[in-house]
C-alpha atoms as a PDB file:
ATOM      1  CA  MET A   1       0.004   0.500   0.081  1.00  0.00           C
ATOM      2  CA  LEU A   2       1.216   3.543  -1.364  1.00  0.00           C
ATOM      3  CA  HIS A   3       1.538   6.106   1.746  1.00  0.00           C
ATOM      4  CA  ARG A   4       1.503  10.046   0.908  1.00  0.00           C
ATOM      5  CA  PRO A   5       5.122  11.518   2.269  1.00  0.00           C
ATOM      6  CA  THR A   6       3.749  13.531   5.529  1.00  0.00           C
ATOM      7  CA  ARG A   7       4.242  17.210   4.687  1.00  0.00           C
ATOM      8  CA  ARG A   8       5.439  19.296   7.420  1.00  0.00           C
ATOM      9  CA  PRO A   9       3.303  21.438   9.342  1.00  0.00           C
ATOM     10  CA  GLN A  10       3.258  24.727   8.653  1.00  0.00           C
ATOM     11  CA  PHE A  11       3.422  26.735  12.604  1.00  0.00           C
ATOM     12  CA  PHE A  12       2.838  30.270  13.111  1.00  0.00           C
ATOM     13  CA  TYR A  13       3.440  32.164  16.235  1.00  0.00           C
ATOM     14  CA  THR A  14       2.223  35.524  17.820  1.00  0.00           C
ATOM     15  CA  THR A  15       5.271  37.933  19.044  1.00  0.00           C
ATOM     16  CA  ALA A  16       4.996  39.559  22.370  1.00  0.00           C
ATOM     17  CA  PRO A  17       3.308  43.381  22.474  1.00  0.00           C
ATOM     18  CA  LEU A  18       6.054  45.660  21.760  1.00  0.00           C
ATOM     19  CA  PRO A  19       6.098  49.707  21.140  1.00  0.00           C
ATOM     20  CA  CYS A  20       4.734  50.398  17.826  1.00  0.00           C
ATOM     21  CA  PRO A  21       7.792  51.991  15.822  1.00  0.00           C
ATOM     22  CA  TYR A  22       5.069  53.805  13.665  1.00  0.00           C
ATOM     23  CA  LEU A  23       2.746  55.495  15.744  1.00  0.00           C
ATOM     24  CA  ALA A  24       3.512  57.038  19.538  1.00  0.00           C
ATOM     25  CA  GLY A  25       1.463  55.485  22.367  1.00  0.00           C
ATOM     26  CA  ARG A  26       0.348  51.880  20.583  1.00  0.00           C
ATOM     27  CA  THR A  27       1.475  48.783  20.541  1.00  0.00           C
ATOM     28  CA  GLU A  28       2.659  46.130  18.256  1.00  0.00           C
ATOM     29  CA  ARG A  29       2.472  42.599  18.055  1.00  0.00           C
ATOM     30  CA  LYS A  30       2.505  40.279  14.704  1.00  0.00           C
ATOM     31  CA  ILE A  31       2.094  36.632  13.883  1.00  0.00           C
ATOM     32  CA  VAL A  32       5.120  35.472  12.173  1.00  0.00           C
ATOM     33  CA  THR A  33       6.464  31.996  10.313  1.00  0.00           C
ATOM     34  CA  GLU A  34       9.709  30.461   9.251  1.00  0.00           C
ATOM     35  CA  LEU A  35      10.461  30.364   5.716  1.00  0.00           C
ATOM     36  CA  THR A  36      12.259  27.226   5.427  1.00  0.00           C
ATOM     37  CA  GLY A  37      12.773  23.948   3.077  1.00  0.00           C
ATOM     38  CA  PRO A  38      12.061  23.057  -0.445  1.00  0.00           C
ATOM     39  CA  ASP A  39       8.694  24.687  -0.280  1.00  0.00           C
ATOM     40  CA  ALA A  40       9.891  28.470   1.088  1.00  0.00           C
ATOM     41  CA  GLU A  41       9.593  30.412  -2.421  1.00  0.00           C
ATOM     42  CA  ALA A  42       6.226  28.965  -2.467  1.00  0.00           C
ATOM     43  CA  LEU A  43       5.217  30.118   0.536  1.00  0.00           C
ATOM     44  CA  HIS A  44       6.448  33.339   0.580  1.00  0.00           C
ATOM     45  CA  ASP A  45       4.716  33.740  -2.610  1.00  0.00           C
ATOM     46  CA  ARG A  46       1.605  33.298  -1.065  1.00  0.00           C
ATOM     47  CA  LEU A  47       2.122  34.963   2.087  1.00  0.00           C
ATOM     48  CA  SER A  48       3.391  38.109   0.052  1.00  0.00           C
ATOM     49  CA  ARG A  49      -0.186  37.773  -1.488  1.00  0.00           C
ATOM     50  CA  ALA A  50      -1.668  37.639   1.788  1.00  0.00           C
ATOM     51  CA  GLY A  51      -0.085  41.186   2.808  1.00  0.00           C
ATOM     52  CA  PHE A  52       2.959  39.113   4.705  1.00  0.00           C
ATOM     53  CA  ARG A  53       6.732  40.844   4.615  1.00  0.00           C
ATOM     54  CA  ARG A  54       9.852  39.220   5.195  1.00  0.00           C
ATOM     55  CA  SER A  55      13.056  39.682   7.532  1.00  0.00           C
ATOM     56  CA  HIS A  56      15.778  37.334   7.241  1.00  0.00           C
ATOM     57  CA  ASN A  57      13.938  33.538   7.284  1.00  0.00           C
ATOM     58  CA  ILE A  58      10.906  34.939   8.484  1.00  0.00           C
ATOM     59  CA  ALA A  59       7.714  35.767   7.506  1.00  0.00           C
ATOM     60  CA  TYR A  60       5.308  38.397   9.333  1.00  0.00           C
ATOM     61  CA  SER A  61       1.884  40.457   9.360  1.00  0.00           C
ATOM     62  CA  PRO A  62       0.837  42.999  12.337  1.00  0.00           C
ATOM     63  CA  VAL A  63      -2.074  41.460  14.015  1.00  0.00           C
ATOM     64  CA  CYS A  64      -2.498  44.509  16.854  1.00  0.00           C
ATOM     65  CA  PRO A  65      -5.556  44.022  18.754  1.00  0.00           C
ATOM     66  CA  GLY A  66      -8.182  47.237  18.045  1.00  0.00           C
ATOM     67  CA  CYS A  67      -5.365  48.766  15.230  1.00  0.00           C
ATOM     68  CA  THR A  68      -5.540  47.962  11.630  1.00  0.00           C
ATOM     69  CA  ALA A  69      -3.059  51.075  11.108  1.00  0.00           C
ATOM     70  CA  CYS A  70      -0.893  48.919   8.750  1.00  0.00           C
ATOM     71  CA  ILE A  71      -2.288  48.403   5.614  1.00  0.00           C
ATOM     72  CA  PRO A  72      -0.220  46.111   2.568  1.00  0.00           C
ATOM     73  CA  ILE A  73       0.633  48.275  -0.605  1.00  0.00           C
ATOM     74  CA  ARG A  74       1.477  47.282  -3.993  1.00  0.00           C
ATOM     75  CA  ILE A  75       2.321  49.624  -7.261  1.00  0.00           C
ATOM     76  CA  LEU A  76       0.498  48.161 -10.507  1.00  0.00           C
ATOM     77  CA  ALA A  77       3.886  48.472 -12.323  1.00  0.00           C
ATOM     78  CA  PRO A  78       2.588  48.179 -15.831  1.00  0.00           C
ATOM     79  CA  GLN A  79       0.043  50.880 -15.110  1.00  0.00           C
ATOM     80  CA  PHE A  80       2.021  53.329 -13.200  1.00  0.00           C
ATOM     81  CA  GLU A  81       2.156  56.974 -14.251  1.00  0.00           C
ATOM     82  CA  PRO A  82       5.198  59.471 -12.094  1.00  0.00           C
ATOM     83  CA  ASN A  83       3.639  62.428 -10.842  1.00  0.00           C
ATOM     84  CA  ARG A  84       5.646  65.926 -11.133  1.00  0.00           C
ATOM     85  CA  ALA A  85       7.418  64.998  -8.354  1.00  0.00           C
ATOM     86  CA  GLN A  86       8.773  61.621  -9.284  1.00  0.00           C
ATOM     87  CA  ARG A  87       9.273  63.050 -12.650  1.00  0.00           C
ATOM     88  CA  LYS A  88      11.430  65.730 -11.051  1.00  0.00           C
ATOM     89  CA  LEU A  89      13.657  62.946  -9.733  1.00  0.00           C
ATOM     90  CA  GLN A  90      14.004  60.813 -12.877  1.00  0.00           C
ATOM     91  CA  ARG A  91      15.530  64.008 -14.401  1.00  0.00           C
ATOM     92  CA  ILE A  92      17.690  64.649 -11.169  1.00  0.00           C
ATOM     93  CA  ASN A  93      19.177  60.840 -11.143  1.00  0.00           C
ATOM     94  CA  ALA A  94      19.076  60.655 -14.681  1.00  0.00           C
ATOM     95  CA  GLY A  95      23.162  60.221 -14.232  1.00  0.00           C
ATOM     96  CA  VAL A  96      22.534  57.335 -11.710  1.00  0.00           C
ATOM     97  CA  ALA A  97      22.205  53.104 -12.820  1.00  0.00           C
ATOM     98  CA  GLY A  98      20.896  50.405 -10.129  1.00  0.00           C
ATOM     99  CA  PHE A  99      22.914  47.340 -10.813  1.00  0.00           C
ATOM    100  CA  GLU A 100      21.294  43.971  -9.419  1.00  0.00           C
ATOM    101  CA  MET A 101      23.917  42.117  -7.259  1.00  0.00           C
ATOM    102  CA  PRO A 102      23.572  39.228  -5.222  1.00  0.00           C
ATOM    103  CA  ALA A 103      22.526  38.866  -1.840  1.00  0.00           C
ATOM    104  CA  ARG A 104      25.696  39.204  -0.294  1.00  0.00           C
ATOM    105  CA  ALA A 105      27.070  41.971   2.017  1.00  0.00           C
ATOM    106  CA  THR A 106      30.279  43.884   1.089  1.00  0.00           C
ATOM    107  CA  ALA A 107      32.123  46.227   3.264  1.00  0.00           C
ATOM    108  CA  GLU A 108      31.077  49.141   0.831  1.00  0.00           C
ATOM    109  CA  GLN A 109      27.479  48.580   1.793  1.00  0.00           C
ATOM    110  CA  PHE A 110      27.769  48.323   5.062  1.00  0.00           C
ATOM    111  CA  GLN A 111      29.807  51.639   5.467  1.00  0.00           C
ATOM    112  CA  LEU A 112      26.977  53.273   3.889  1.00  0.00           C
ATOM    113  CA  PHE A 113      24.833  51.495   5.487  1.00  0.00           C
ATOM    114  CA  GLN A 114      26.014  52.999   8.876  1.00  0.00           C
ATOM    115  CA  ARG A 115      26.088  56.413   7.605  1.00  0.00           C
ATOM    116  CA  TYR A 116      22.697  56.192   7.003  1.00  0.00           C
ATOM    117  CA  GLN A 117      21.716  54.560  10.341  1.00  0.00           C
ATOM    118  CA  GLN A 118      23.632  57.181  11.944  1.00  0.00           C
ATOM    119  CA  ALA A 119      21.906  60.258  10.364  1.00  0.00           C
ATOM    120  CA  ARG A 120      18.235  59.228   9.736  1.00  0.00           C
ATOM    121  CA  HIS A 121      17.521  56.672  12.682  1.00  0.00           C
ATOM    122  CA  GLY A 122      20.566  57.132  15.385  1.00  0.00           C
ATOM    123  CA  GLU A 123      18.279  56.250  18.368  1.00  0.00           C
ATOM    124  CA  GLY A 124      16.994  52.947  16.728  1.00  0.00           C
ATOM    125  CA  ASP A 125      18.648  49.600  17.228  1.00  0.00           C
ATOM    126  CA  MET A 126      19.557  49.306  13.331  1.00  0.00           C
ATOM    127  CA  ALA A 127      22.207  51.804  14.539  1.00  0.00           C
ATOM    128  CA  ALA A 128      23.982  49.464  16.649  1.00  0.00           C
ATOM    129  CA  MET A 129      24.373  46.924  13.983  1.00  0.00           C
ATOM    130  CA  GLY A 130      28.003  45.525  13.749  1.00  0.00           C
ATOM    131  CA  PHE A 131      28.785  43.974  10.184  1.00  0.00           C
ATOM    132  CA  TYR A 132      27.925  40.419  10.901  1.00  0.00           C
ATOM    133  CA  ASP A 133      24.878  41.655  11.869  1.00  0.00           C
ATOM    134  CA  TYR A 134      24.457  42.911   8.584  1.00  0.00           C
ATOM    135  CA  ARG A 135      25.575  40.568   6.502  1.00  0.00           C
ATOM    136  CA  ALA A 136      22.719  38.340   8.315  1.00  0.00           C
ATOM    137  CA  MET A 137      20.162  41.010   7.099  1.00  0.00           C
ATOM    138  CA  VAL A 138      21.154  40.592   3.634  1.00  0.00           C
ATOM    139  CA  GLU A 139      22.635  37.163   3.375  1.00  0.00           C
ATOM    140  CA  ASP A 140      20.314  34.881   5.687  1.00  0.00           C
ATOM    141  CA  THR A 141      17.307  34.594   3.172  1.00  0.00           C
ATOM    142  CA  PRO A 142      15.530  30.699   2.106  1.00  0.00           C
ATOM    143  CA  ILE A 143      14.376  32.712  -1.610  1.00  0.00           C
ATOM    144  CA  THR A 144      15.417  34.472  -4.208  1.00  0.00           C
ATOM    145  CA  THR A 145      16.830  37.624  -2.849  1.00  0.00           C
ATOM    146  CA  GLY A 146      19.253  40.317  -4.481  1.00  0.00           C
ATOM    147  CA  MET A 147      21.039  43.834  -3.601  1.00  0.00           C
ATOM    148  CA  VAL A 148      20.185  46.325  -6.180  1.00  0.00           C
ATOM    149  CA  GLU A 149      23.209  49.120  -6.089  1.00  0.00           C
ATOM    150  CA  PHE A 150      22.547  52.946  -7.033  1.00  0.00           C
ATOM    151  CA  ARG A 151      25.708  53.895  -8.167  1.00  0.00           C
ATOM    152  CA  ASP A 152      26.776  57.657 -10.155  1.00  0.00           C
ATOM    153  CA  GLY A 153      28.755  58.514 -13.321  1.00  0.00           C
ATOM    154  CA  GLN A 154      31.998  58.120 -10.489  1.00  0.00           C
ATOM    155  CA  ASP A 155      31.241  54.486  -9.725  1.00  0.00           C
ATOM    156  CA  ARG A 156      30.255  56.000  -5.880  1.00  0.00           C
ATOM    157  CA  LEU A 157      27.837  53.517  -4.442  1.00  0.00           C
ATOM    158  CA  LEU A 158      24.695  56.037  -3.441  1.00  0.00           C
ATOM    159  CA  GLY A 159      22.465  53.843  -2.203  1.00  0.00           C
ATOM    160  CA  ALA A 160      20.768  49.960  -2.272  1.00  0.00           C
ATOM    161  CA  CYS A 161      17.657  48.293  -2.036  1.00  0.00           C
ATOM    162  CA  LEU A 162      17.455  44.164  -0.469  1.00  0.00           C
ATOM    163  CA  THR A 163      14.954  43.011  -2.922  1.00  0.00           C
ATOM    164  CA  ASP A 164      12.936  39.909  -2.924  1.00  0.00           C
ATOM    165  CA  TRP A 165      11.753  38.445  -6.602  1.00  0.00           C
ATOM    166  CA  LEU A 166       8.456  37.066  -6.472  1.00  0.00           C
ATOM    167  CA  SER A 167       6.616  35.050  -9.101  1.00  0.00           C
ATOM    168  CA  ASP A 168       4.149  38.203  -9.577  1.00  0.00           C
ATOM    169  CA  GLY A 169       6.343  40.875  -8.600  1.00  0.00           C
ATOM    170  CA  LEU A 170       9.761  42.724  -6.722  1.00  0.00           C
ATOM    171  CA  SER A 171       9.496  43.090  -3.087  1.00  0.00           C
ATOM    172  CA  ALA A 172      11.671  46.115  -1.279  1.00  0.00           C
ATOM    173  CA  VAL A 173      12.716  44.778   1.749  1.00  0.00           C
ATOM    174  CA  TYR A 174      15.256  47.892   3.226  1.00  0.00           C
ATOM    175  CA  SER A 175      16.375  50.495   1.432  1.00  0.00           C
ATOM    176  CA  PHE A 176      19.273  52.613   2.286  1.00  0.00           C
ATOM    177  CA  PHE A 177      21.063  55.421   0.739  1.00  0.00           C
ATOM    178  CA  ASP A 178      23.660  58.471   1.277  1.00  0.00           C
ATOM    179  CA  PRO A 179      22.609  60.949   3.531  1.00  0.00           C
ATOM    180  CA  ALA A 180      24.292  63.477   2.239  1.00  0.00           C
ATOM    181  CA  GLU A 181      22.556  63.438  -1.347  1.00  0.00           C
ATOM    182  CA  ALA A 182      19.189  63.812   0.310  1.00  0.00           C
ATOM    183  CA  ARG A 183      17.789  66.381  -2.675  1.00  0.00           C
ATOM    184  CA  ARG A 184      18.116  62.974  -4.806  1.00  0.00           C
ATOM    185  CA  SER A 185      15.334  61.312  -2.814  1.00  0.00           C
ATOM    186  CA  LEU A 186      17.225  58.117  -3.368  1.00  0.00           C
ATOM    187  CA  GLY A 187      14.529  56.279  -1.090  1.00  0.00           C
ATOM    188  CA  SER A 188      11.681  57.101  -3.708  1.00  0.00           C
ATOM    189  CA  TRP A 189      13.995  56.892  -6.769  1.00  0.00           C
ATOM    190  CA  ALA A 190      14.800  53.265  -6.053  1.00  0.00           C
ATOM    191  CA  ILE A 191      10.657  52.714  -5.941  1.00  0.00           C
ATOM    192  CA  LEU A 192      10.840  54.354  -9.254  1.00  0.00           C
ATOM    193  CA  TRP A 193      13.634  51.957 -10.543  1.00  0.00           C
ATOM    194  CA  LEU A 194      12.283  48.814  -9.230  1.00  0.00           C
ATOM    195  CA  VAL A 195       9.073  49.354 -10.976  1.00  0.00           C
ATOM    196  CA  GLN A 196      10.699  50.306 -14.405  1.00  0.00           C
ATOM    197  CA  ARG A 197      12.297  47.061 -13.153  1.00  0.00           C
ATOM    198  CA  ALA A 198       9.314  44.549 -12.949  1.00  0.00           C
ATOM    199  CA  VAL A 199       7.582  46.197 -16.156  1.00  0.00           C
ATOM    200  CA  ALA A 200      10.741  44.651 -18.169  1.00  0.00           C
ATOM    201  CA  LEU A 201      10.494  41.529 -16.298  1.00  0.00           C
ATOM    202  CA  GLY A 202       6.947  41.332 -17.223  1.00  0.00           C
ATOM    203  CA  LEU A 203       6.273  41.401 -13.625  1.00  0.00           C
ATOM    204  CA  PRO A 204       2.735  43.245 -12.555  1.00  0.00           C
ATOM    205  CA  TYR A 205       3.433  44.353  -9.189  1.00  0.00           C
ATOM    206  CA  VAL A 206       5.937  46.216  -6.986  1.00  0.00           C
ATOM    207  CA  TYR A 207       5.284  45.429  -3.148  1.00  0.00           C
ATOM    208  CA  LEU A 208       5.991  48.442  -0.824  1.00  0.00           C
ATOM    209  CA  GLY A 209       5.274  46.670   2.590  1.00  0.00           C
ATOM    210  CA  TYR A 210       2.847  48.600   4.681  1.00  0.00           C
ATOM    211  CA  TRP A 211       1.122  52.155   4.136  1.00  0.00           C
ATOM    212  CA  VAL A 212       0.729  54.059   7.298  1.00  0.00           C
ATOM    213  CA  PRO A 213      -1.650  56.944   6.468  1.00  0.00           C
ATOM    214  CA  GLU A 214      -1.190  58.075  10.189  1.00  0.00           C
ATOM    215  CA  SER A 215       2.203  58.273  10.427  1.00  0.00           C
ATOM    216  CA  ARG A 216       4.298  60.800   7.805  1.00  0.00           C
ATOM    217  CA  LYS A 217       7.588  58.547   7.284  1.00  0.00           C
ATOM    218  CA  MET A 218       5.079  55.710   5.938  1.00  0.00           C
ATOM    219  CA  SER A 219       2.439  58.053   4.435  1.00  0.00           C
ATOM    220  CA  TYR A 220       4.416  58.390   1.375  1.00  0.00           C
ATOM    221  CA  LYS A 221       3.843  55.205  -0.221  1.00  0.00           C
ATOM    222  CA  SER A 222       0.398  56.101  -1.426  1.00  0.00           C
ATOM    223  CA  ARG A 223       2.309  58.394  -3.844  1.00  0.00           C
ATOM    224  CA  PHE A 224       3.141  55.820  -6.490  1.00  0.00           C
ATOM    225  CA  ARG A 225      -0.497  55.411  -8.451  1.00  0.00           C
ATOM    226  CA  PRO A 226      -1.682  53.342  -9.108  1.00  0.00           C
ATOM    227  CA  SER A 227      -1.511  50.967  -6.463  1.00  0.00           C
ATOM    228  CA  GLU A 228      -3.656  48.581  -4.836  1.00  0.00           C
ATOM    229  CA  VAL A 229      -3.966  48.220  -0.844  1.00  0.00           C
ATOM    230  CA  LEU A 230      -5.396  44.931   1.157  1.00  0.00           C
ATOM    231  CA  MET A 231      -8.284  45.301   2.923  1.00  0.00           C
ATOM    232  CA  GLY A 232     -10.619  42.450   4.439  1.00  0.00           C
ATOM    233  CA  GLY A 233      -8.395  39.829   2.882  1.00  0.00           C
ATOM    234  CA  VAL A 234      -8.889  41.369  -0.936  1.00  0.00           C
ATOM    235  CA  TRP A 235      -6.657  43.918  -3.241  1.00  0.00           C
ATOM    236  CA  ARG A 236      -8.466  46.804  -4.435  1.00  0.00           C
ATOM    237  CA  VAL A 237      -7.305  50.026  -5.876  1.00  0.00           C
ATOM    238  CA  LEU A 238      -6.350  52.845  -3.516  1.00  0.00           C
ATOM    239  CA  GLU A 239      -8.806  56.043  -4.181  1.00  0.00           C
ATOM    240  CA  GLU A 240      -6.816  59.332  -5.633  1.00  0.00           C
ATOM    241  CA  SER A 241      -8.672  60.871  -2.412  1.00  0.00           C
ATOM    242  CA  ALA A 242      -6.038  58.636  -0.120  1.00  0.00           C
ATOM    243  CA  ALA A 243      -3.021  60.032  -1.328  1.00  0.00           C
ATOM    244  CA  ALA A 244      -0.887  61.735   1.165  1.00  0.00           C
ATOM    245  CA  PRO A 245      -0.232  65.479   0.448  1.00  0.00           C
ATOM    246  CA  GLU A 246       2.606  65.976  -1.959  1.00  0.00           C
ATOM    247  CA  PRO A 247       5.355  67.546   0.148  1.00  0.00           C
ATOM    248  CA  ALA A 248       7.768  70.063  -1.191  1.00  0.00           C
ATOM    249  CA  VAL A 249      10.808  67.578  -0.806  1.00  0.00           C
ATOM    250  CA  VAL A 250       9.800  63.923  -1.149  1.00  0.00           C
ATOM    251  CA  PRO A 251      10.462  62.126   2.479  1.00  0.00           C
ATOM    252  CA  GLU A 252      12.555  59.148   2.616  1.00  0.00           C
ATOM    253  CA  THR A 253      12.360  56.138   4.626  1.00  0.00           C
ATOM    254  CA  ALA A 254      13.409  52.563   4.663  1.00  0.00           C
ATOM    255  CA  GLY A 255      11.730  49.704   4.162  1.00  0.00           C
END
């Protein structure tokens, strides 16, 4: 008698409450699961479509009691049309090129990562990361991942974006950039580059993680149109009225 091979069950866990990194006075809880084994890629694909994000070999999604502020968002890449500020960024960064590199940490990247953290997130936990912590963030992945490096005409590393390749799109995991080049808005530029790359690859989406309308540093994600948000288990086109107001300078944030 033939027996079906037993499939390893997928376990999900809920984290303990922690201070919310986006909204003061609120607590954060996540549901997490491990991405491992031969089915990790397919599982990550399914979970990404369900609003999960990846960190190292863990997929997670917020499950904060009484709060739904974090909304999964993805850009409809083939239909994307840059707004006025984004067209200006394209002109400013005309001499910047993106290079798809393996998910391998380098000393050059880490030096830029440190400068970025000290300038933008000096009080955060990531500012204290050493090279081995950074290497784990980049290399500890069970799925198809790469580092997109952004360089100018003198081959200077201006920014980088850790990126996951999904079956239906690209997912921006974490980005950082030279704080001395603020006028380039390289965080937003990285997203524009990913949109163009997704179109070239025939992929329909660029996943941006969580849009938090109440958080200034996370509200900018609604400016990339058209986009979809996951609400009630269904991806819906984000209405124009929900866009964050256009600032004089496009804000930057990682992730």
